[in-house]
Amino acid sequence: MYPSTISNEEVNALELYRYEGRIKIITKPEQIPGILKKIAGEKAVGFDTETKPAFKKGQVNEVSLVQIATEKEVYLIRINFTGLTKELIRFLEDEKHLKIGVALRDDLIDLKKLTHFHPQGFIELNKLVKGIGIESNGLRKLTAIILGFRISKSAQISNWESEMLTEKQVNYAATDAWVCLKMYNELVKKGYLDHA
C-alpha cells in the first residue's frame, strides 16, 4: 500500500533522481515518422509537453516541446521547429497506443490550439491513483509516493523556444515523461492496474 499523501518536506528529504538513458532531440519534421515507427511496438509511453512561460498579462505561448518516453529512450520533439505533423496527430489520436501523463488536460488543450484533433489513448495518473487511495497529485508528489525518489522542477520555468536547449532543460524534460511511464509500469507490476 502507498501512503495517501506526502508533504513537501518529505519529498525534499528524498534522493534526487533523473533519467539517465538515451535522449534524442527531434528538430526536423522528416525525423518524426522514424521515431513513431520505433515506438510502434510499445504498449505504453510516457507523455508530457513544455511551453515557454508567459510573463506578461494576456500573453500566451504555444507548446514548444512534446516528450515521448519509452523505457530505453526519450524523444524530445521540438514542435516549435517541426510543427504538429500529420504523423504526430495520428499518434495522438491512436487509442491503442497508451500515453501516460500527469495534468494531461492542460497539455492537450495547449496542443489543440495548434490544430484540431481528437486525443485518444491518454491515461491521467492523477485520476488513476485515486482508485488506489493516493490523494496527493502532481508529478513531483506522485513520483515520491510511487517511486520513492525526488525529481527536479528547476528548469520548468525556462525558455523552451531557445535555439538550443540546455543540458538542464533536456534532462528535466526527459525525466518528466520517463517517470510517468515508470510509475505506470510500477503500478502494473505490483498488480494495482489491469491495463497490462
N, C-alpha and C. Protein backbone atom coordinates (compact mmCIF):
# COMPACT_ATOMS: atom_id res chain seq x y z
N MET A 1 0.83 -1.20 0.00
CA MET A 1 0.00 0.00 0.00
C MET A 1 0.87 1.26 0.00
N TYR A 2 0.42 2.24 -0.74
CA TYR A 2 1.13 3.52 -0.79
C TYR A 2 0.50 4.49 0.21
N PRO A 3 1.29 5.42 0.75
CA PRO A 3 0.66 6.46 1.59
C PRO A 3 -0.28 7.31 0.74
N SER A 4 -1.33 7.82 1.35
CA SER A 4 -2.31 8.59 0.57
C SER A 4 -1.79 9.99 0.24
N THR A 5 -0.93 10.53 1.11
CA THR A 5 -0.39 11.87 0.88
C THR A 5 1.09 11.91 1.26
N ILE A 6 1.75 12.96 0.84
CA ILE A 6 3.15 13.19 1.21
C ILE A 6 3.36 14.70 1.30
N SER A 7 4.12 15.13 2.30
CA SER A 7 4.36 16.57 2.47
C SER A 7 5.54 17.01 1.61
N ASN A 8 5.63 18.32 1.38
CA ASN A 8 6.77 18.86 0.63
C ASN A 8 8.09 18.57 1.35
N GLU A 9 8.04 18.61 2.68
CA GLU A 9 9.25 18.32 3.47
C GLU A 9 9.70 16.88 3.25
N GLU A 10 8.73 15.95 3.22
CA GLU A 10 9.06 14.53 2.99
C GLU A 10 9.62 14.33 1.58
N VAL A 11 9.05 15.03 0.61
CA VAL A 11 9.55 14.93 -0.77
C VAL A 11 10.98 15.45 -0.83
N ASN A 12 11.23 16.60 -0.22
CA ASN A 12 12.56 17.21 -0.27
C ASN A 12 13.64 16.39 0.43
N ALA A 13 13.22 15.50 1.33
CA ALA A 13 14.17 14.64 2.04
C ALA A 13 14.62 13.45 1.19
N LEU A 14 13.90 13.19 0.10
CA LEU A 14 14.22 12.04 -0.75
C LEU A 14 15.41 12.33 -1.66
N GLU A 15 16.04 11.26 -2.13
CA GLU A 15 17.18 11.39 -3.04
C GLU A 15 16.71 11.95 -4.39
N LEU A 16 17.48 12.88 -4.94
CA LEU A 16 17.18 13.46 -6.25
C LEU A 16 17.60 12.47 -7.34
N TYR A 17 16.71 12.26 -8.31
CA TYR A 17 17.00 11.27 -9.35
C TYR A 17 16.55 11.84 -10.69
N ARG A 18 17.22 11.41 -11.77
CA ARG A 18 16.78 11.82 -13.10
C ARG A 18 17.00 10.69 -14.09
N TYR A 19 16.35 10.83 -15.23
CA TYR A 19 16.51 9.86 -16.32
C TYR A 19 17.95 9.91 -16.82
N GLU A 20 18.55 8.72 -17.01
CA GLU A 20 19.95 8.68 -17.44
C GLU A 20 20.15 7.84 -18.70
N GLY A 21 19.06 7.56 -19.41
CA GLY A 21 19.17 6.77 -20.64
C GLY A 21 19.39 7.64 -21.86
N ARG A 22 19.09 7.07 -23.03
CA ARG A 22 19.29 7.79 -24.29
C ARG A 22 18.20 8.85 -24.48
N ILE A 23 18.62 10.00 -24.99
CA ILE A 23 17.69 11.09 -25.29
C ILE A 23 17.94 11.53 -26.73
N LYS A 24 16.87 11.57 -27.52
CA LYS A 24 17.00 12.01 -28.91
C LYS A 24 16.19 13.29 -29.08
N ILE A 25 16.84 14.33 -29.56
CA ILE A 25 16.16 15.61 -29.79
C ILE A 25 15.79 15.71 -31.26
N ILE A 26 14.51 15.92 -31.52
CA ILE A 26 13.97 15.96 -32.88
C ILE A 26 13.68 17.41 -33.26
N THR A 27 14.32 17.88 -34.34
CA THR A 27 14.11 19.27 -34.77
C THR A 27 13.57 19.37 -36.20
N LYS A 28 13.53 18.22 -36.92
CA LYS A 28 13.07 18.24 -38.32
C LYS A 28 11.83 17.36 -38.48
N PRO A 29 10.81 17.85 -39.21
CA PRO A 29 9.58 17.06 -39.36
C PRO A 29 9.82 15.68 -39.98
N GLU A 30 10.83 15.58 -40.86
CA GLU A 30 11.09 14.29 -41.52
C GLU A 30 11.65 13.23 -40.57
N GLN A 31 12.06 13.63 -39.36
CA GLN A 31 12.54 12.66 -38.36
C GLN A 31 11.39 11.97 -37.63
N ILE A 32 10.22 12.58 -37.63
CA ILE A 32 9.10 12.10 -36.81
C ILE A 32 8.58 10.72 -37.22
N PRO A 33 8.35 10.43 -38.52
CA PRO A 33 7.87 9.08 -38.86
C PRO A 33 8.79 7.97 -38.35
N GLY A 34 10.09 8.20 -38.40
CA GLY A 34 11.06 7.20 -37.94
C GLY A 34 10.94 6.90 -36.46
N ILE A 35 10.77 7.95 -35.64
CA ILE A 35 10.68 7.69 -34.20
C ILE A 35 9.34 7.06 -33.84
N LEU A 36 8.28 7.43 -34.55
CA LEU A 36 6.98 6.82 -34.28
C LEU A 36 6.98 5.35 -34.68
N LYS A 37 7.73 5.02 -35.72
CA LYS A 37 7.88 3.62 -36.13
C LYS A 37 8.63 2.84 -35.05
N LYS A 38 9.65 3.47 -34.47
CA LYS A 38 10.45 2.83 -33.42
C LYS A 38 9.61 2.52 -32.18
N ILE A 39 8.66 3.38 -31.85
CA ILE A 39 7.87 3.16 -30.63
C ILE A 39 6.55 2.43 -30.90
N ALA A 40 6.32 2.05 -32.15
CA ALA A 40 5.05 1.41 -32.52
C ALA A 40 4.79 0.13 -31.72
N GLY A 41 5.84 -0.58 -31.34
CA GLY A 41 5.68 -1.83 -30.61
C GLY A 41 5.49 -1.67 -29.11
N GLU A 42 5.60 -0.44 -28.61
CA GLU A 42 5.47 -0.20 -27.17
C GLU A 42 3.99 -0.20 -26.76
N LYS A 43 3.68 -0.88 -25.66
CA LYS A 43 2.30 -0.89 -25.14
C LYS A 43 1.90 0.48 -24.61
N ALA A 44 2.86 1.13 -23.96
CA ALA A 44 2.60 2.43 -23.34
C ALA A 44 3.86 3.29 -23.39
N VAL A 45 3.65 4.60 -23.44
CA VAL A 45 4.78 5.54 -23.40
C VAL A 45 4.45 6.65 -22.40
N GLY A 46 5.49 7.25 -21.85
CA GLY A 46 5.30 8.44 -21.02
C GLY A 46 5.12 9.64 -21.93
N PHE A 47 4.31 10.60 -21.48
CA PHE A 47 3.98 11.74 -22.35
C PHE A 47 3.96 13.03 -21.53
N ASP A 48 4.50 14.08 -22.13
CA ASP A 48 4.47 15.40 -21.49
C ASP A 48 4.71 16.47 -22.55
N THR A 49 4.44 17.71 -22.21
CA THR A 49 4.76 18.83 -23.10
C THR A 49 5.39 19.95 -22.27
N GLU A 50 6.09 20.84 -22.95
CA GLU A 50 6.63 22.04 -22.31
C GLU A 50 6.27 23.26 -23.16
N THR A 51 5.98 24.35 -22.47
CA THR A 51 5.64 25.61 -23.13
C THR A 51 6.44 26.73 -22.49
N LYS A 52 6.94 27.63 -23.32
CA LYS A 52 7.66 28.79 -22.79
C LYS A 52 6.71 29.58 -21.88
N PRO A 53 7.14 29.88 -20.65
CA PRO A 53 6.23 30.61 -19.75
C PRO A 53 5.94 32.02 -20.25
N ALA A 54 4.74 32.49 -19.94
CA ALA A 54 4.34 33.86 -20.31
C ALA A 54 4.43 34.73 -19.06
N PHE A 55 5.14 35.84 -19.17
CA PHE A 55 5.32 36.72 -18.01
C PHE A 55 4.48 38.00 -18.11
N LYS A 56 3.89 38.24 -19.30
CA LYS A 56 3.06 39.43 -19.46
C LYS A 56 1.60 39.02 -19.45
N LYS A 57 0.78 39.87 -18.87
CA LYS A 57 -0.66 39.61 -18.80
C LYS A 57 -1.23 39.51 -20.21
N GLY A 58 -2.01 38.45 -20.44
CA GLY A 58 -2.63 38.26 -21.75
C GLY A 58 -1.75 37.56 -22.77
N GLN A 59 -0.47 37.40 -22.45
CA GLN A 59 0.44 36.73 -23.39
C GLN A 59 0.25 35.22 -23.27
N VAL A 60 0.13 34.55 -24.42
CA VAL A 60 0.00 33.09 -24.45
C VAL A 60 1.03 32.54 -25.41
N ASN A 61 1.81 31.58 -24.96
CA ASN A 61 2.80 30.94 -25.83
C ASN A 61 2.32 29.56 -26.24
N GLU A 62 2.77 29.14 -27.42
CA GLU A 62 2.38 27.82 -27.93
C GLU A 62 3.30 26.75 -27.35
N VAL A 63 2.82 25.50 -27.39
CA VAL A 63 3.64 24.37 -26.95
C VAL A 63 4.93 24.35 -27.77
N SER A 64 6.05 24.20 -27.08
CA SER A 64 7.36 24.18 -27.75
C SER A 64 7.91 22.77 -27.90
N LEU A 65 7.54 21.89 -26.96
CA LEU A 65 8.18 20.59 -26.88
C LEU A 65 7.17 19.51 -26.53
N VAL A 66 7.25 18.37 -27.22
CA VAL A 66 6.48 17.18 -26.87
C VAL A 66 7.49 16.10 -26.49
N GLN A 67 7.30 15.51 -25.30
CA GLN A 67 8.20 14.46 -24.84
C GLN A 67 7.48 13.12 -24.88
N ILE A 68 8.13 12.12 -25.49
CA ILE A 68 7.60 10.76 -25.54
C ILE A 68 8.68 9.83 -25.00
N ALA A 69 8.34 9.08 -23.96
CA ALA A 69 9.34 8.24 -23.29
C ALA A 69 9.02 6.76 -23.41
N THR A 70 10.03 5.97 -23.79
CA THR A 70 9.97 4.52 -23.65
C THR A 70 10.89 4.19 -22.48
N GLU A 71 11.02 2.93 -22.14
CA GLU A 71 11.91 2.57 -21.03
C GLU A 71 13.37 2.82 -21.37
N LYS A 72 13.71 2.71 -22.66
CA LYS A 72 15.12 2.80 -23.05
C LYS A 72 15.51 4.12 -23.71
N GLU A 73 14.52 4.90 -24.15
CA GLU A 73 14.85 6.13 -24.88
C GLU A 73 13.74 7.16 -24.69
N VAL A 74 14.14 8.44 -24.64
CA VAL A 74 13.16 9.52 -24.59
C VAL A 74 13.37 10.42 -25.81
N TYR A 75 12.26 10.74 -26.47
CA TYR A 75 12.29 11.59 -27.66
C TYR A 75 11.74 12.96 -27.28
N LEU A 76 12.52 13.98 -27.55
CA LEU A 76 12.10 15.36 -27.31
C LEU A 76 11.83 16.00 -28.66
N ILE A 77 10.56 16.16 -28.99
CA ILE A 77 10.17 16.69 -30.30
C ILE A 77 9.94 18.20 -30.16
N ARG A 78 10.81 18.96 -30.79
CA ARG A 78 10.75 20.43 -30.69
C ARG A 78 9.74 20.96 -31.71
N ILE A 79 8.47 20.93 -31.31
CA ILE A 79 7.43 21.26 -32.30
C ILE A 79 7.41 22.74 -32.68
N ASN A 80 8.15 23.57 -31.96
CA ASN A 80 8.31 24.95 -32.44
C ASN A 80 9.16 24.96 -33.72
N PHE A 81 9.91 23.86 -33.99
CA PHE A 81 10.66 23.70 -35.24
C PHE A 81 9.96 22.75 -36.22
N THR A 82 9.39 21.66 -35.71
CA THR A 82 8.82 20.62 -36.60
C THR A 82 7.38 20.90 -36.97
N GLY A 83 6.65 21.62 -36.12
CA GLY A 83 5.21 21.73 -36.27
C GLY A 83 4.56 20.44 -35.76
N LEU A 84 3.23 20.46 -35.66
CA LEU A 84 2.48 19.27 -35.25
C LEU A 84 2.14 18.51 -36.53
N THR A 85 2.99 17.57 -36.91
CA THR A 85 2.86 16.90 -38.21
C THR A 85 1.68 15.94 -38.22
N LYS A 86 1.27 15.53 -39.43
CA LYS A 86 0.13 14.61 -39.55
C LYS A 86 0.43 13.27 -38.88
N GLU A 87 1.70 12.85 -38.92
CA GLU A 87 2.08 11.59 -38.26
C GLU A 87 1.94 11.70 -36.74
N LEU A 88 2.33 12.84 -36.22
CA LEU A 88 2.22 13.08 -34.77
C LEU A 88 0.75 13.15 -34.36
N ILE A 89 -0.07 13.78 -35.17
CA ILE A 89 -1.51 13.85 -34.88
C ILE A 89 -2.12 12.45 -34.88
N ARG A 90 -1.72 11.61 -35.84
CA ARG A 90 -2.21 10.22 -35.88
C ARG A 90 -1.86 9.49 -34.58
N PHE A 91 -0.64 9.72 -34.10
CA PHE A 91 -0.19 9.11 -32.85
C PHE A 91 -1.04 9.60 -31.67
N LEU A 92 -1.32 10.90 -31.62
CA LEU A 92 -2.12 11.48 -30.54
C LEU A 92 -3.56 10.98 -30.57
N GLU A 93 -4.02 10.55 -31.74
CA GLU A 93 -5.40 10.07 -31.89
C GLU A 93 -5.51 8.55 -31.83
N ASP A 94 -4.39 7.86 -31.66
CA ASP A 94 -4.37 6.39 -31.66
C ASP A 94 -4.73 5.85 -30.28
N GLU A 95 -5.92 5.26 -30.17
CA GLU A 95 -6.38 4.78 -28.86
C GLU A 95 -5.64 3.52 -28.40
N LYS A 96 -5.01 2.80 -29.33
CA LYS A 96 -4.29 1.57 -28.96
C LYS A 96 -2.93 1.88 -28.34
N HIS A 97 -2.44 3.06 -28.59
CA HIS A 97 -1.12 3.46 -28.09
C HIS A 97 -1.33 4.28 -26.81
N LEU A 98 -1.11 3.66 -25.64
CA LEU A 98 -1.35 4.34 -24.38
C LEU A 98 -0.29 5.40 -24.12
N LYS A 99 -0.76 6.58 -23.77
CA LYS A 99 0.12 7.72 -23.49
C LYS A 99 -0.13 8.14 -22.04
N ILE A 100 0.86 7.93 -21.19
CA ILE A 100 0.70 8.12 -19.75
C ILE A 100 1.26 9.47 -19.33
N GLY A 101 0.48 10.22 -18.55
CA GLY A 101 0.98 11.52 -18.12
C GLY A 101 0.29 12.04 -16.88
N VAL A 102 0.70 13.22 -16.47
CA VAL A 102 0.13 13.92 -15.31
C VAL A 102 -0.29 15.32 -15.77
N ALA A 103 -1.50 15.72 -15.40
CA ALA A 103 -2.06 17.01 -15.84
C ALA A 103 -2.14 17.09 -17.36
N LEU A 104 -2.61 16.00 -17.95
CA LEU A 104 -2.70 15.90 -19.42
C LEU A 104 -3.71 16.87 -20.01
N ARG A 105 -4.74 17.18 -19.25
CA ARG A 105 -5.79 18.07 -19.77
C ARG A 105 -5.19 19.37 -20.29
N ASP A 106 -4.29 19.97 -19.50
CA ASP A 106 -3.66 21.23 -19.91
C ASP A 106 -2.79 21.03 -21.15
N ASP A 107 -2.03 19.92 -21.16
CA ASP A 107 -1.18 19.62 -22.33
C ASP A 107 -2.03 19.53 -23.60
N LEU A 108 -3.15 18.82 -23.49
CA LEU A 108 -3.99 18.60 -24.68
C LEU A 108 -4.71 19.88 -25.11
N ILE A 109 -5.14 20.68 -24.16
CA ILE A 109 -5.77 21.97 -24.50
C ILE A 109 -4.77 22.82 -25.29
N ASP A 110 -3.52 22.86 -24.81
CA ASP A 110 -2.49 23.66 -25.48
C ASP A 110 -2.14 23.11 -26.86
N LEU A 111 -2.08 21.78 -26.99
CA LEU A 111 -1.78 21.18 -28.30
C LEU A 111 -2.91 21.44 -29.30
N LYS A 112 -4.15 21.43 -28.80
CA LYS A 112 -5.30 21.66 -29.69
C LYS A 112 -5.34 23.10 -30.20
N LYS A 113 -4.62 24.00 -29.54
CA LYS A 113 -4.53 25.38 -30.04
C LYS A 113 -3.72 25.43 -31.34
N LEU A 114 -2.87 24.42 -31.55
CA LEU A 114 -2.05 24.37 -32.76
C LEU A 114 -2.85 23.83 -33.94
N THR A 115 -3.64 22.80 -33.68
CA THR A 115 -4.51 22.22 -34.72
C THR A 115 -5.55 21.34 -34.04
N HIS A 116 -6.71 21.21 -34.66
CA HIS A 116 -7.77 20.42 -34.03
C HIS A 116 -7.50 18.93 -34.23
N PHE A 117 -7.64 18.15 -33.16
CA PHE A 117 -7.54 16.69 -33.26
C PHE A 117 -8.33 16.07 -32.12
N HIS A 118 -8.53 14.75 -32.19
CA HIS A 118 -9.31 14.03 -31.18
C HIS A 118 -8.38 13.13 -30.37
N PRO A 119 -7.92 13.59 -29.20
CA PRO A 119 -6.97 12.79 -28.43
C PRO A 119 -7.59 11.47 -27.96
N GLN A 120 -6.83 10.40 -28.13
CA GLN A 120 -7.27 9.06 -27.72
C GLN A 120 -6.10 8.35 -27.05
N GLY A 121 -6.42 7.44 -26.13
CA GLY A 121 -5.39 6.60 -25.52
C GLY A 121 -4.58 7.28 -24.43
N PHE A 122 -5.07 8.39 -23.90
CA PHE A 122 -4.34 9.10 -22.84
C PHE A 122 -4.80 8.62 -21.46
N ILE A 123 -3.84 8.34 -20.59
CA ILE A 123 -4.15 7.89 -19.23
C ILE A 123 -3.59 8.91 -18.24
N GLU A 124 -4.49 9.50 -17.48
CA GLU A 124 -4.13 10.54 -16.50
C GLU A 124 -3.79 9.90 -15.15
N LEU A 125 -2.53 9.97 -14.76
CA LEU A 125 -2.10 9.36 -13.50
C LEU A 125 -2.76 10.00 -12.28
N ASN A 126 -2.95 11.32 -12.29
CA ASN A 126 -3.62 11.99 -11.17
C ASN A 126 -4.96 11.32 -10.86
N LYS A 127 -5.69 10.97 -11.91
CA LYS A 127 -7.01 10.35 -11.77
C LYS A 127 -6.88 8.87 -11.42
N LEU A 128 -5.97 8.20 -12.09
CA LEU A 128 -5.78 6.76 -11.92
C LEU A 128 -5.45 6.38 -10.48
N VAL A 129 -4.57 7.16 -9.84
CA VAL A 129 -4.10 6.79 -8.50
C VAL A 129 -5.16 7.01 -7.42
N LYS A 130 -6.19 7.79 -7.72
CA LYS A 130 -7.28 7.97 -6.75
C LYS A 130 -7.92 6.62 -6.44
N GLY A 131 -7.97 5.75 -7.46
CA GLY A 131 -8.57 4.42 -7.30
C GLY A 131 -7.79 3.50 -6.39
N ILE A 132 -6.54 3.85 -6.09
CA ILE A 132 -5.75 3.02 -5.16
C ILE A 132 -5.42 3.80 -3.88
N GLY A 133 -6.19 4.86 -3.63
CA GLY A 133 -6.11 5.56 -2.35
C GLY A 133 -5.08 6.66 -2.24
N ILE A 134 -4.45 7.04 -3.35
CA ILE A 134 -3.48 8.14 -3.29
C ILE A 134 -4.22 9.46 -3.52
N GLU A 135 -4.15 10.34 -2.53
CA GLU A 135 -4.87 11.62 -2.61
C GLU A 135 -4.00 12.74 -3.18
N SER A 136 -2.69 12.66 -2.95
CA SER A 136 -1.78 13.69 -3.49
C SER A 136 -1.83 13.67 -5.00
N ASN A 137 -1.54 14.80 -5.62
CA ASN A 137 -1.43 14.80 -7.07
C ASN A 137 -0.26 15.67 -7.50
N GLY A 138 0.00 15.67 -8.79
CA GLY A 138 1.16 16.39 -9.31
C GLY A 138 2.32 15.43 -9.49
N LEU A 139 3.11 15.70 -10.51
CA LEU A 139 4.19 14.78 -10.90
C LEU A 139 5.21 14.56 -9.78
N ARG A 140 5.62 15.63 -9.12
CA ARG A 140 6.67 15.52 -8.10
C ARG A 140 6.21 14.65 -6.92
N LYS A 141 4.98 14.89 -6.44
CA LYS A 141 4.48 14.13 -5.29
C LYS A 141 4.16 12.68 -5.66
N LEU A 142 3.58 12.46 -6.83
CA LEU A 142 3.28 11.08 -7.23
C LEU A 142 4.57 10.28 -7.42
N THR A 143 5.59 10.91 -8.00
CA THR A 143 6.89 10.24 -8.16
C THR A 143 7.44 9.84 -6.80
N ALA A 144 7.35 10.75 -5.84
CA ALA A 144 7.86 10.48 -4.49
C ALA A 144 7.11 9.32 -3.84
N ILE A 145 5.78 9.31 -3.96
CA ILE A 145 4.97 8.26 -3.33
C ILE A 145 5.19 6.91 -4.00
N ILE A 146 5.14 6.87 -5.33
CA ILE A 146 5.17 5.59 -6.05
C ILE A 146 6.58 5.07 -6.28
N LEU A 147 7.51 5.97 -6.59
CA LEU A 147 8.87 5.54 -6.94
C LEU A 147 9.89 5.78 -5.82
N GLY A 148 9.54 6.61 -4.86
CA GLY A 148 10.41 6.80 -3.70
C GLY A 148 11.61 7.69 -3.93
N PHE A 149 11.57 8.51 -4.98
CA PHE A 149 12.65 9.49 -5.17
C PHE A 149 12.07 10.84 -5.57
N ARG A 150 12.94 11.82 -5.61
CA ARG A 150 12.54 13.20 -5.90
C ARG A 150 13.04 13.58 -7.28
N ILE A 151 12.23 14.35 -8.01
CA ILE A 151 12.68 14.88 -9.31
C ILE A 151 12.77 16.39 -9.22
N SER A 152 13.67 16.95 -10.01
CA SER A 152 13.87 18.41 -10.01
C SER A 152 12.82 19.08 -10.87
N LYS A 153 12.34 20.23 -10.42
CA LYS A 153 11.42 21.04 -11.22
C LYS A 153 12.06 22.39 -11.56
N SER A 154 13.38 22.49 -11.39
CA SER A 154 14.05 23.80 -11.50
C SER A 154 14.10 24.37 -12.92
N ALA A 155 13.97 23.51 -13.94
CA ALA A 155 14.03 24.02 -15.33
C ALA A 155 12.64 24.30 -15.90
N GLN A 156 11.61 24.09 -15.09
CA GLN A 156 10.23 24.22 -15.58
C GLN A 156 9.98 25.59 -16.20
N ILE A 157 10.36 26.63 -15.48
CA ILE A 157 10.13 27.99 -15.98
C ILE A 157 11.40 28.45 -16.69
N SER A 158 11.56 27.98 -17.91
CA SER A 158 12.72 28.38 -18.72
C SER A 158 12.27 28.52 -20.17
N ASN A 159 13.13 29.03 -21.01
CA ASN A 159 12.74 29.30 -22.39
C ASN A 159 12.85 28.04 -23.26
N TRP A 160 11.71 27.41 -23.49
CA TRP A 160 11.66 26.17 -24.28
C TRP A 160 11.73 26.45 -25.78
N GLU A 161 11.75 27.73 -26.16
CA GLU A 161 11.85 28.08 -27.58
C GLU A 161 13.27 28.47 -27.98
N SER A 162 14.22 28.37 -27.05
CA SER A 162 15.62 28.71 -27.35
C SER A 162 16.12 27.90 -28.54
N GLU A 163 17.06 28.50 -29.27
CA GLU A 163 17.67 27.81 -30.42
C GLU A 163 18.23 26.46 -30.00
N MET A 164 18.93 26.46 -28.86
CA MET A 164 19.48 25.22 -28.30
C MET A 164 18.96 25.06 -26.87
N LEU A 165 18.51 23.85 -26.54
CA LEU A 165 18.11 23.58 -25.16
C LEU A 165 19.36 23.31 -24.32
N THR A 166 19.34 23.75 -23.08
CA THR A 166 20.47 23.48 -22.19
C THR A 166 20.41 22.02 -21.73
N GLU A 167 21.52 21.54 -21.21
CA GLU A 167 21.56 20.16 -20.68
C GLU A 167 20.54 20.00 -19.55
N LYS A 168 20.41 21.04 -18.74
CA LYS A 168 19.44 21.02 -17.63
C LYS A 168 18.01 20.88 -18.16
N GLN A 169 17.67 21.62 -19.22
CA GLN A 169 16.34 21.52 -19.82
C GLN A 169 16.10 20.14 -20.40
N VAL A 170 17.08 19.61 -21.10
CA VAL A 170 16.97 18.29 -21.74
C VAL A 170 16.73 17.22 -20.67
N ASN A 171 17.52 17.24 -19.61
CA ASN A 171 17.38 16.25 -18.53
C ASN A 171 16.04 16.38 -17.83
N TYR A 172 15.61 17.61 -17.59
CA TYR A 172 14.33 17.87 -16.93
C TYR A 172 13.17 17.33 -17.78
N ALA A 173 13.17 17.69 -19.07
CA ALA A 173 12.08 17.30 -19.97
C ALA A 173 12.02 15.78 -20.13
N ALA A 174 13.17 15.15 -20.29
CA ALA A 174 13.22 13.69 -20.45
C ALA A 174 12.75 13.00 -19.18
N THR A 175 13.17 13.50 -18.04
CA THR A 175 12.79 12.89 -16.75
C THR A 175 11.29 12.96 -16.53
N ASP A 176 10.68 14.10 -16.84
CA ASP A 176 9.23 14.26 -16.63
C ASP A 176 8.42 13.20 -17.37
N ALA A 177 8.74 12.96 -18.63
CA ALA A 177 8.00 11.97 -19.41
C ALA A 177 8.33 10.56 -18.95
N TRP A 178 9.60 10.31 -18.65
CA TRP A 178 10.05 8.98 -18.26
C TRP A 178 9.43 8.52 -16.94
N VAL A 179 9.34 9.43 -15.93
CA VAL A 179 8.76 9.00 -14.65
C VAL A 179 7.28 8.66 -14.79
N CYS A 180 6.58 9.27 -15.73
CA CYS A 180 5.17 8.93 -15.96
C CYS A 180 5.04 7.46 -16.37
N LEU A 181 5.88 7.06 -17.32
CA LEU A 181 5.87 5.65 -17.76
C LEU A 181 6.34 4.74 -16.64
N LYS A 182 7.38 5.14 -15.93
CA LYS A 182 7.94 4.31 -14.84
C LYS A 182 6.90 4.09 -13.74
N MET A 183 6.15 5.13 -13.39
CA MET A 183 5.10 4.99 -12.37
C MET A 183 4.01 4.03 -12.84
N TYR A 184 3.59 4.20 -14.08
CA TYR A 184 2.55 3.33 -14.64
C TYR A 184 3.00 1.87 -14.62
N ASN A 185 4.22 1.62 -15.10
CA ASN A 185 4.75 0.25 -15.14
C ASN A 185 4.88 -0.34 -13.74
N GLU A 186 5.25 0.49 -12.78
CA GLU A 186 5.37 0.05 -11.38
C GLU A 186 4.01 -0.37 -10.83
N LEU A 187 2.98 0.42 -11.13
CA LEU A 187 1.63 0.10 -10.66
C LEU A 187 1.10 -1.17 -11.31
N VAL A 188 1.42 -1.36 -12.59
CA VAL A 188 1.02 -2.59 -13.29
C VAL A 188 1.74 -3.79 -12.67
N LYS A 189 3.04 -3.66 -12.48
CA LYS A 189 3.87 -4.74 -11.94
C LYS A 189 3.40 -5.18 -10.55
N LYS A 190 2.98 -4.22 -9.75
CA LYS A 190 2.53 -4.54 -8.39
C LYS A 190 1.07 -4.97 -8.33
N GLY A 191 0.43 -5.06 -9.50
CA GLY A 191 -0.94 -5.58 -9.56
C GLY A 191 -2.03 -4.58 -9.22
N TYR A 192 -1.69 -3.29 -9.20
CA TYR A 192 -2.69 -2.27 -8.90
C TYR A 192 -3.57 -1.95 -10.11
N LEU A 193 -3.06 -2.23 -11.30
CA LEU A 193 -3.79 -1.89 -12.53
C LEU A 193 -3.98 -3.14 -13.36
N ASP A 194 -5.03 -3.14 -14.16
CA ASP A 194 -5.26 -4.29 -15.04
C ASP A 194 -5.06 -3.93 -16.50
N HIS A 195 -4.22 -2.91 -16.75
CA HIS A 195 -4.00 -2.45 -18.13
C HIS A 195 -2.89 -3.20 -18.83
N ALA A 196 -2.19 -4.08 -18.10
CA ALA A 196 -1.02 -4.74 -18.70
C ALA A 196 -1.42 -5.70 -19.80
